[in-house]
C-alpha atoms as a PDB file:
ATOM      1  CA  UNK A   1       0.000   0.000   0.000  1.00  0.00           C
ATOM      2  CA  UNK A   2       1.402   3.369  -0.995  1.00  0.00           C
ATOM      3  CA  UNK A   3      -0.437   5.520   1.554  1.00  0.00           C
ATOM      4  CA  UNK A   4       1.197   5.752   4.975  1.00  0.00           C
ATOM      5  CA  UNK A   5       0.253   7.093   8.410  1.00  0.00           C
ATOM      6  CA  UNK A   6       0.668  10.869   8.553  1.00  0.00           C
ATOM      7  CA  UNK A   7      -0.001  11.479   4.833  1.00  0.00           C
ATOM      8  CA  UNK A   8      -2.511  14.135   3.876  1.00  0.00           C
ATOM      9  CA  UNK A   9      -5.132  12.681   1.546  1.00  0.00           C
ATOM     10  CA  UNK A  10      -8.217  13.910  -0.287  1.00  0.00           C
ATOM     11  CA  UNK A  11     -11.420  11.850  -0.542  1.00  0.00           C
ATOM     12  CA  UNK A  12     -12.401  11.429  -4.211  1.00  0.00           C
ATOM     13  CA  UNK A  13     -15.686   9.486  -3.867  1.00  0.00           C
ATOM     14  CA  UNK A  14     -18.447   8.983  -1.331  1.00  0.00           C
ATOM     15  CA  UNK A  15     -20.332  11.231   1.059  1.00  0.00           C
ATOM     16  CA  UNK A  16     -17.196  13.140   2.125  1.00  0.00           C
ATOM     17  CA  UNK A  17     -16.023  13.762  -1.453  1.00  0.00           C
ATOM     18  CA  UNK A  18     -13.678  16.748  -1.733  1.00  0.00           C
ATOM     19  CA  UNK A  19     -12.664  16.785   1.928  1.00  0.00           C
ATOM     20  CA  UNK A  20      -9.088  16.197   3.047  1.00  0.00           C
ATOM     21  CA  UNK A  21      -7.404  15.066   6.241  1.00  0.00           C
ATOM     22  CA  UNK A  22      -4.483  13.199   7.765  1.00  0.00           C
ATOM     23  CA  UNK A  23      -4.248   9.420   7.761  1.00  0.00           C
ATOM     24  CA  UNK A  24      -4.511   8.199  11.355  1.00  0.00           C
ATOM     25  CA  UNK A  25      -4.360   4.427  10.811  1.00  0.00           C
ATOM     26  CA  UNK A  26      -3.691   2.052   7.915  1.00  0.00           C
ATOM     27  CA  UNK A  27      -5.416  -1.354   7.790  1.00  0.00           C
ATOM     28  CA  UNK A  28      -3.238  -3.245   5.277  1.00  0.00           C
ATOM     29  CA  UNK A  29      -5.156  -6.532   5.406  1.00  0.00           C
ATOM     30  CA  UNK A  30      -8.417  -4.809   4.443  1.00  0.00           C
ATOM     31  CA  UNK A  31      -6.862  -2.151   2.118  1.00  0.00           C
ATOM     32  CA  UNK A  32      -8.478   0.608   4.167  1.00  0.00           C
ATOM     33  CA  UNK A  33      -7.338   3.804   5.864  1.00  0.00           C
ATOM     34  CA  UNK A  34      -8.799   5.839   8.720  1.00  0.00           C
ATOM     35  CA  UNK A  35      -8.698   9.559   7.928  1.00  0.00           C
ATOM     36  CA  UNK A  36      -9.070  12.274  10.568  1.00  0.00           C
ATOM     37  CA  UNK A  37     -12.546  13.837  10.391  1.00  0.00           C
ATOM     38  CA  UNK A  38     -13.754  11.698   7.452  1.00  0.00           C
ATOM     39  CA  UNK A  39     -16.510   9.029   7.377  1.00  0.00           C
ATOM     40  CA  UNK A  40     -17.783   9.841  10.872  1.00  0.00           C
ATOM     41  CA  UNK A  41     -20.549   7.703  12.350  1.00  0.00           C
ATOM     42  CA  UNK A  42     -22.371   7.750  15.675  1.00  0.00           C
ATOM     43  CA  UNK A  43     -21.842   4.895  18.100  1.00  0.00           C
ATOM     44  CA  UNK A  44     -24.530   4.628  20.759  1.00  0.00           C
ATOM     45  CA  UNK A  45     -22.979   3.904  24.152  1.00  0.00           C
ATOM     46  CA  UNK A  46     -24.839   2.597  27.181  1.00  0.00           C
ATOM     47  CA  UNK A  47     -24.134   4.114  30.585  1.00  0.00           C
ATOM     48  CA  UNK A  48     -21.261   2.459  32.424  1.00  0.00           C
ATOM     49  CA  UNK A  49     -18.543   3.295  34.934  1.00  0.00           C
ATOM     50  CA  UNK A  50     -16.210   4.320  32.108  1.00  0.00           C
ATOM     51  CA  UNK A  51     -18.868   6.453  30.462  1.00  0.00           C
ATOM     52  CA  UNK A  52     -21.332   7.514  33.184  1.00  0.00           C
ATOM     53  CA  UNK A  53     -23.364   9.785  30.893  1.00  0.00           C
ATOM     54  CA  UNK A  54     -23.775   7.389  27.960  1.00  0.00           C
ATOM     55  CA  UNK A  55     -25.074   8.798  24.700  1.00  0.00           C
ATOM     56  CA  UNK A  56     -23.692   9.034  21.193  1.00  0.00           C
ATOM     57  CA  UNK A  57     -19.980   9.022  20.378  1.00  0.00           C
ATOM     58  CA  UNK A  58     -18.784  10.234  16.971  1.00  0.00           C
ATOM     59  CA  UNK A  59     -16.027   7.986  15.599  1.00  0.00           C
ATOM     60  CA  UNK A  60     -14.186   7.741  12.268  1.00  0.00           C
ATOM     61  CA  UNK A  61     -14.645   4.580  10.232  1.00  0.00           C
ATOM     62  CA  UNK A  62     -12.215   3.193   7.639  1.00  0.00           C
ATOM     63  CA  UNK A  63     -12.377   4.242   3.983  1.00  0.00           C
ATOM     64  CA  UNK A  64     -11.133   2.047   1.128  1.00  0.00           C
ATOM     65  CA  UNK A  65      -7.731   3.176  -0.104  1.00  0.00           C
ATOM     66  CA  UNK A  66      -9.020   3.475  -3.684  1.00  0.00           C
ATOM     67  CA  UNK A  67     -11.368   6.258  -2.548  1.00  0.00           C
ATOM     68  CA  UNK A  68      -8.555   8.576  -1.421  1.00  0.00           C
ATOM     69  CA  UNK A  69      -5.639  10.263  -3.202  1.00  0.00           C
ATOM     70  CA  UNK A  70      -2.419  11.602  -1.739  1.00  0.00           C
ATOM     71  CA  UNK A  71      -2.065  15.384  -1.783  1.00  0.00           C
ATOM     72  CA  UNK A  72       1.183  16.495  -3.441  1.00  0.00           C
ATOM     73  CA  UNK A  73       3.562  17.997  -0.836  1.00  0.00           C
ATOM     74  CA  UNK A  74       4.522  20.902  -3.134  1.00  0.00           C
ATOM     75  CA  UNK A  75       1.403  21.749  -5.180  1.00  0.00           C
ATOM     76  CA  UNK A  76      -1.338  20.522  -2.838  1.00  0.00           C
ATOM     77  CA  UNK A  77      -3.184  18.767  -5.686  1.00  0.00           C
ATOM     78  CA  UNK A  78      -4.400  15.158  -5.555  1.00  0.00           C
ATOM     79  CA  UNK A  79      -1.859  12.887  -7.203  1.00  0.00           C
ATOM     80  CA  UNK A  80      -1.003   9.290  -7.919  1.00  0.00           C
ATOM     81  CA  UNK A  81       1.917   7.827  -5.985  1.00  0.00           C
ATOM     82  CA  UNK A  82       4.902   6.238  -7.710  1.00  0.00           C
ATOM     83  CA  UNK A  83       8.000   4.411  -6.487  1.00  0.00           C
ATOM     84  CA  UNK A  84      11.556   5.109  -7.624  1.00  0.00           C
ATOM     85  CA  UNK A  85      15.090   4.282  -6.613  1.00  0.00           C
ATOM     86  CA  UNK A  86      17.287   6.991  -5.187  1.00  0.00           C
ATOM     87  CA  UNK A  87      20.898   7.629  -6.150  1.00  0.00           C
ATOM     88  CA  UNK A  88      22.177   6.000  -2.941  1.00  0.00           C
ATOM     89  CA  UNK A  89      20.231   2.756  -3.521  1.00  0.00           C
ATOM     90  CA  UNK A  90      17.143   3.383  -1.383  1.00  0.00           C
ATOM     91  CA  UNK A  91      13.524   3.427  -2.519  1.00  0.00           C
ATOM     92  CA  UNK A  92      11.199   6.393  -2.151  1.00  0.00           C
ATOM     93  CA  UNK A  93       7.612   7.357  -2.886  1.00  0.00           C
ATOM     94  CA  UNK A  94       7.006  10.340  -5.139  1.00  0.00           C
ATOM     95  CA  UNK A  95       4.081  12.423  -6.383  1.00  0.00           C
ATOM     96  CA  UNK A  96       3.473  11.855 -10.077  1.00  0.00           C
ATOM     97  CA  UNK A  97       2.056  15.381 -10.578  1.00  0.00           C
ATOM     98  CA  UNK A  98       5.217  17.252  -9.612  1.00  0.00           C
ATOM     99  CA  UNK A  99       7.841  14.554  -9.083  1.00  0.00           C
ATOM    100  CA  UNK A 100       8.343  15.675  -5.475  1.00  0.00           C
ATOM    101  CA  UNK A 101       9.520  13.074  -2.966  1.00  0.00           C
ATOM    102  CA  UNK A 102       6.886  11.876  -0.476  1.00  0.00           C
ATOM    103  CA  UNK A 103       9.155   9.918   1.869  1.00  0.00           C
ATOM    104  CA  UNK A 104      11.536   6.962   1.944  1.00  0.00           C
ATOM    105  CA  UNK A 105      10.220   3.412   1.799  1.00  0.00           C
ATOM    106  CA  UNK A 106      13.518   1.569   2.290  1.00  0.00           C
ATOM    107  CA  UNK A 107      16.795   3.049   3.538  1.00  0.00           C
ATOM    108  CA  UNK A 108      19.896   3.339   1.316  1.00  0.00           C
ATOM    109  CA  UNK A 109      21.740   0.131   0.461  1.00  0.00           C
ATOM    110  CA  UNK A 110      24.806   1.114   2.527  1.00  0.00           C
ATOM    111  CA  UNK A 111      22.662   1.465   5.660  1.00  0.00           C
ATOM    112  CA  UNK A 112      20.909  -1.879   5.061  1.00  0.00           C
ATOM    113  CA  UNK A 113      24.266  -3.654   4.700  1.00  0.00           C
ATOM    114  CA  UNK A 114      25.573  -1.998   7.889  1.00  0.00           C
ATOM    115  CA  UNK A 115      22.455  -3.116   9.781  1.00  0.00           C
ATOM    116  CA  UNK A 116      22.936  -6.717   8.623  1.00  0.00           C
ATOM    117  CA  UNK A 117      26.560  -6.719   9.821  1.00  0.00           C
ATOM    118  CA  UNK A 118      25.466  -5.515  13.263  1.00  0.00           C
ATOM    119  CA  UNK A 119      22.973  -8.372  13.578  1.00  0.00           C
ATOM    120  CA  UNK A 120      25.593 -11.024  12.718  1.00  0.00           C
END
């Protein structure tokens, strides 16, 4: 999955279409993401010691990853996400609209080799 926790995404379909927010949680097995302030539902809670008042709690539910797009870090437009190798041998995500880097996926090759030597 190319969307990570902390990314800013824009909803492209559904009831919250056009809204944007930060990714709070990524559910890789279900291909879903939980976005801050998006897809809110009410959960009815009975009175208990933890919640003495009871009532309705507003919580965010997961959205399928195909219904959101990453916002480009430089232009702020929705964009597809690509993968490319860096000059030092690492792998990074990038925004296809502007070509701007969106974060490393794997560290440089020299660092990976050094980590393996430490474990041995």
